[in-house]
């Protein structure tokens, strides 16, 4: 079971339709809008709602315990990174670590992580 607790969130502007991206990692583009994060890339947080068009309010968890969609099997305690779709996967060499899995899960399941970016896997 995934859960959230003690998180900090901000409201930003969606850069695209994010209606299918709730609980995915997001990054901020140069125009200040949020878009899905890329493969192994940095992210500013996890999208908590599902804005259906560019320009709509996007609530983003920027720190703390939150839920995120798994893009593959992730074990509890694993360092996680973003895959090409913005889902959480076990961090691999060259990936930016975005947090630690608190609960494990399989592809497509919502798991809990501590969102706490902390460098690149060597």
C-alpha atoms as a PDB file:
ATOM      1  CA  UNK A   1       0.000   0.000   0.000  1.00  0.00           C
ATOM      2  CA  UNK A   2       1.372   3.409  -0.966  1.00  0.00           C
ATOM      3  CA  UNK A   3       0.966   6.355   1.328  1.00  0.00           C
ATOM      4  CA  UNK A   4       2.034   9.955   1.835  1.00  0.00           C
ATOM      5  CA  UNK A   5       2.987  11.936   4.918  1.00  0.00           C
ATOM      6  CA  UNK A   6       4.885  15.113   5.818  1.00  0.00           C
ATOM      7  CA  UNK A   7       5.344  16.441   2.314  1.00  0.00           C
ATOM      8  CA  UNK A   8       5.891  19.918   0.951  1.00  0.00           C
ATOM      9  CA  UNK A   9       4.081  20.807  -2.257  1.00  0.00           C
ATOM     10  CA  UNK A  10       3.812  23.824  -4.538  1.00  0.00           C
ATOM     11  CA  UNK A  11       1.391  24.776  -7.299  1.00  0.00           C
ATOM     12  CA  UNK A  12       2.986  25.429 -10.686  1.00  0.00           C
ATOM     13  CA  UNK A  13       1.736  25.628 -14.263  1.00  0.00           C
ATOM     14  CA  UNK A  14       1.436  22.520 -16.437  1.00  0.00           C
ATOM     15  CA  UNK A  15       3.336  22.729 -19.715  1.00  0.00           C
ATOM     16  CA  UNK A  16       1.258  20.028 -21.432  1.00  0.00           C
ATOM     17  CA  UNK A  17      -1.780  17.820 -20.762  1.00  0.00           C
ATOM     18  CA  UNK A  18      -0.720  15.874 -17.653  1.00  0.00           C
ATOM     19  CA  UNK A  19      -4.035  14.090 -17.079  1.00  0.00           C
ATOM     20  CA  UNK A  20      -2.331  10.669 -17.429  1.00  0.00           C
ATOM     21  CA  UNK A  21       0.737  11.657 -15.359  1.00  0.00           C
ATOM     22  CA  UNK A  22      -0.534  11.800 -11.767  1.00  0.00           C
ATOM     23  CA  UNK A  23       2.211  10.434  -9.456  1.00  0.00           C
ATOM     24  CA  UNK A  24       4.924  10.781 -12.133  1.00  0.00           C
ATOM     25  CA  UNK A  25       8.186  12.713 -11.755  1.00  0.00           C
ATOM     26  CA  UNK A  26       8.136  16.182 -13.334  1.00  0.00           C
ATOM     27  CA  UNK A  27      10.803  18.683 -14.312  1.00  0.00           C
ATOM     28  CA  UNK A  28      10.621  22.407 -14.939  1.00  0.00           C
ATOM     29  CA  UNK A  29      11.290  23.822 -18.399  1.00  0.00           C
ATOM     30  CA  UNK A  30      12.844  27.218 -19.132  1.00  0.00           C
ATOM     31  CA  UNK A  31       9.351  28.777 -19.398  1.00  0.00           C
ATOM     32  CA  UNK A  32       8.629  27.836 -15.760  1.00  0.00           C
ATOM     33  CA  UNK A  33       6.079  25.144 -16.627  1.00  0.00           C
ATOM     34  CA  UNK A  34       6.254  21.497 -15.554  1.00  0.00           C
ATOM     35  CA  UNK A  35       6.560  18.541 -17.911  1.00  0.00           C
ATOM     36  CA  UNK A  36       7.220  14.822 -17.370  1.00  0.00           C
ATOM     37  CA  UNK A  37      10.823  14.124 -16.327  1.00  0.00           C
ATOM     38  CA  UNK A  38      13.098  12.236 -18.708  1.00  0.00           C
ATOM     39  CA  UNK A  39      15.129   9.036 -18.469  1.00  0.00           C
ATOM     40  CA  UNK A  40      17.588   9.305 -15.572  1.00  0.00           C
ATOM     41  CA  UNK A  41      17.078  13.065 -15.499  1.00  0.00           C
ATOM     42  CA  UNK A  42      16.679  15.527 -12.673  1.00  0.00           C
ATOM     43  CA  UNK A  43      13.153  16.276 -11.420  1.00  0.00           C
ATOM     44  CA  UNK A  44      11.698  19.005  -9.238  1.00  0.00           C
ATOM     45  CA  UNK A  45       9.104  16.692  -7.740  1.00  0.00           C
ATOM     46  CA  UNK A  46       6.156  14.348  -8.183  1.00  0.00           C
ATOM     47  CA  UNK A  47       2.876  15.472  -9.760  1.00  0.00           C
ATOM     48  CA  UNK A  48       0.051  15.063  -7.222  1.00  0.00           C
ATOM     49  CA  UNK A  49      -2.937  15.998  -9.387  1.00  0.00           C
ATOM     50  CA  UNK A  50      -3.875  15.516 -13.060  1.00  0.00           C
ATOM     51  CA  UNK A  51      -4.171  18.831 -14.961  1.00  0.00           C
ATOM     52  CA  UNK A  52      -5.848  18.130 -18.304  1.00  0.00           C
ATOM     53  CA  UNK A  53      -4.291  20.960 -20.341  1.00  0.00           C
ATOM     54  CA  UNK A  54      -1.252  23.212 -20.559  1.00  0.00           C
ATOM     55  CA  UNK A  55      -1.592  26.244 -18.326  1.00  0.00           C
ATOM     56  CA  UNK A  56      -3.622  24.491 -15.632  1.00  0.00           C
ATOM     57  CA  UNK A  57      -2.521  24.235 -11.989  1.00  0.00           C
ATOM     58  CA  UNK A  58      -0.110  21.401 -11.316  1.00  0.00           C
ATOM     59  CA  UNK A  59       0.367  20.455  -7.659  1.00  0.00           C
ATOM     60  CA  UNK A  60       3.913  19.138  -7.211  1.00  0.00           C
ATOM     61  CA  UNK A  61       5.421  17.428  -4.151  1.00  0.00           C
ATOM     62  CA  UNK A  62       8.915  18.926  -3.823  1.00  0.00           C
ATOM     63  CA  UNK A  63      10.021  17.039  -0.685  1.00  0.00           C
ATOM     64  CA  UNK A  64       8.907  14.393   1.754  1.00  0.00           C
ATOM     65  CA  UNK A  65       7.074  11.087   1.695  1.00  0.00           C
ATOM     66  CA  UNK A  66       4.919  10.796  -1.416  1.00  0.00           C
ATOM     67  CA  UNK A  67       3.411   8.368  -3.894  1.00  0.00           C
ATOM     68  CA  UNK A  68       4.888   7.695  -7.339  1.00  0.00           C
ATOM     69  CA  UNK A  69       4.056   5.332 -10.186  1.00  0.00           C
ATOM     70  CA  UNK A  70       6.573   2.521 -10.711  1.00  0.00           C
ATOM     71  CA  UNK A  71       7.928   1.963 -14.217  1.00  0.00           C
ATOM     72  CA  UNK A  72       9.310  -1.478 -13.323  1.00  0.00           C
ATOM     73  CA  UNK A  73       9.889  -3.609 -10.257  1.00  0.00           C
ATOM     74  CA  UNK A  74      11.261  -1.471  -7.414  1.00  0.00           C
ATOM     75  CA  UNK A  75      12.299  -2.915  -4.041  1.00  0.00           C
ATOM     76  CA  UNK A  76      11.797  -1.132  -0.731  1.00  0.00           C
ATOM     77  CA  UNK A  77      15.029   0.664   0.191  1.00  0.00           C
ATOM     78  CA  UNK A  78      16.163   1.097  -3.426  1.00  0.00           C
ATOM     79  CA  UNK A  79      17.422   4.415  -4.761  1.00  0.00           C
ATOM     80  CA  UNK A  80      14.976   5.526  -7.460  1.00  0.00           C
ATOM     81  CA  UNK A  81      15.294   7.523 -10.667  1.00  0.00           C
ATOM     82  CA  UNK A  82      12.977   8.565 -13.487  1.00  0.00           C
ATOM     83  CA  UNK A  83      12.467   6.454 -16.600  1.00  0.00           C
ATOM     84  CA  UNK A  84      11.694   7.989 -20.015  1.00  0.00           C
ATOM     85  CA  UNK A  85       7.988   8.347 -19.101  1.00  0.00           C
ATOM     86  CA  UNK A  86       8.619   9.915 -15.674  1.00  0.00           C
ATOM     87  CA  UNK A  87       7.899   6.791 -13.626  1.00  0.00           C
ATOM     88  CA  UNK A  88      10.104   5.516 -10.783  1.00  0.00           C
ATOM     89  CA  UNK A  89      12.664   2.820 -11.534  1.00  0.00           C
ATOM     90  CA  UNK A  90      15.675   1.521  -9.630  1.00  0.00           C
ATOM     91  CA  UNK A  91      18.497   4.017 -10.220  1.00  0.00           C
ATOM     92  CA  UNK A  92      21.282   2.850 -12.552  1.00  0.00           C
ATOM     93  CA  UNK A  93      24.712   4.211 -13.442  1.00  0.00           C
ATOM     94  CA  UNK A  94      24.434   7.809 -14.682  1.00  0.00           C
ATOM     95  CA  UNK A  95      20.917   8.365 -13.318  1.00  0.00           C
ATOM     96  CA  UNK A  96      20.054  11.234 -10.977  1.00  0.00           C
ATOM     97  CA  UNK A  97      18.840   9.714  -7.698  1.00  0.00           C
ATOM     98  CA  UNK A  98      15.453  11.251  -6.901  1.00  0.00           C
ATOM     99  CA  UNK A  99      14.712   9.444  -3.664  1.00  0.00           C
ATOM    100  CA  UNK A 100      14.406   6.185  -1.764  1.00  0.00           C
ATOM    101  CA  UNK A 101      11.597   3.653  -2.089  1.00  0.00           C
ATOM    102  CA  UNK A 102       9.754   3.119   1.206  1.00  0.00           C
ATOM    103  CA  UNK A 103       7.454   0.472  -0.277  1.00  0.00           C
ATOM    104  CA  UNK A 104       8.237  -1.760  -3.221  1.00  0.00           C
ATOM    105  CA  UNK A 105       6.060  -2.565  -6.191  1.00  0.00           C
ATOM    106  CA  UNK A 106       5.809  -3.724  -9.785  1.00  0.00           C
ATOM    107  CA  UNK A 107       5.391  -1.879 -13.072  1.00  0.00           C
ATOM    108  CA  UNK A 108       2.299   0.344 -13.015  1.00  0.00           C
ATOM    109  CA  UNK A 109       1.773   0.154  -9.243  1.00  0.00           C
ATOM    110  CA  UNK A 110       1.866   3.256  -7.065  1.00  0.00           C
ATOM    111  CA  UNK A 111       4.613   3.024  -4.442  1.00  0.00           C
ATOM    112  CA  UNK A 112       5.796   5.321  -1.658  1.00  0.00           C
ATOM    113  CA  UNK A 113       9.136   7.112  -1.788  1.00  0.00           C
ATOM    114  CA  UNK A 114      10.964   9.774   0.144  1.00  0.00           C
ATOM    115  CA  UNK A 115      11.513  12.422  -2.553  1.00  0.00           C
ATOM    116  CA  UNK A 116      15.009  13.685  -1.829  1.00  0.00           C
ATOM    117  CA  UNK A 117      17.242  14.255  -4.893  1.00  0.00           C
ATOM    118  CA  UNK A 118      20.843  13.581  -4.006  1.00  0.00           C
ATOM    119  CA  UNK A 119      23.239  13.180  -6.918  1.00  0.00           C
ATOM    120  CA  UNK A 120      24.143  10.851  -9.745  1.00  0.00           C
ATOM    121  CA  UNK A 121      24.795   7.108  -9.526  1.00  0.00           C
ATOM    122  CA  UNK A 122      28.473   6.498 -10.291  1.00  0.00           C
END
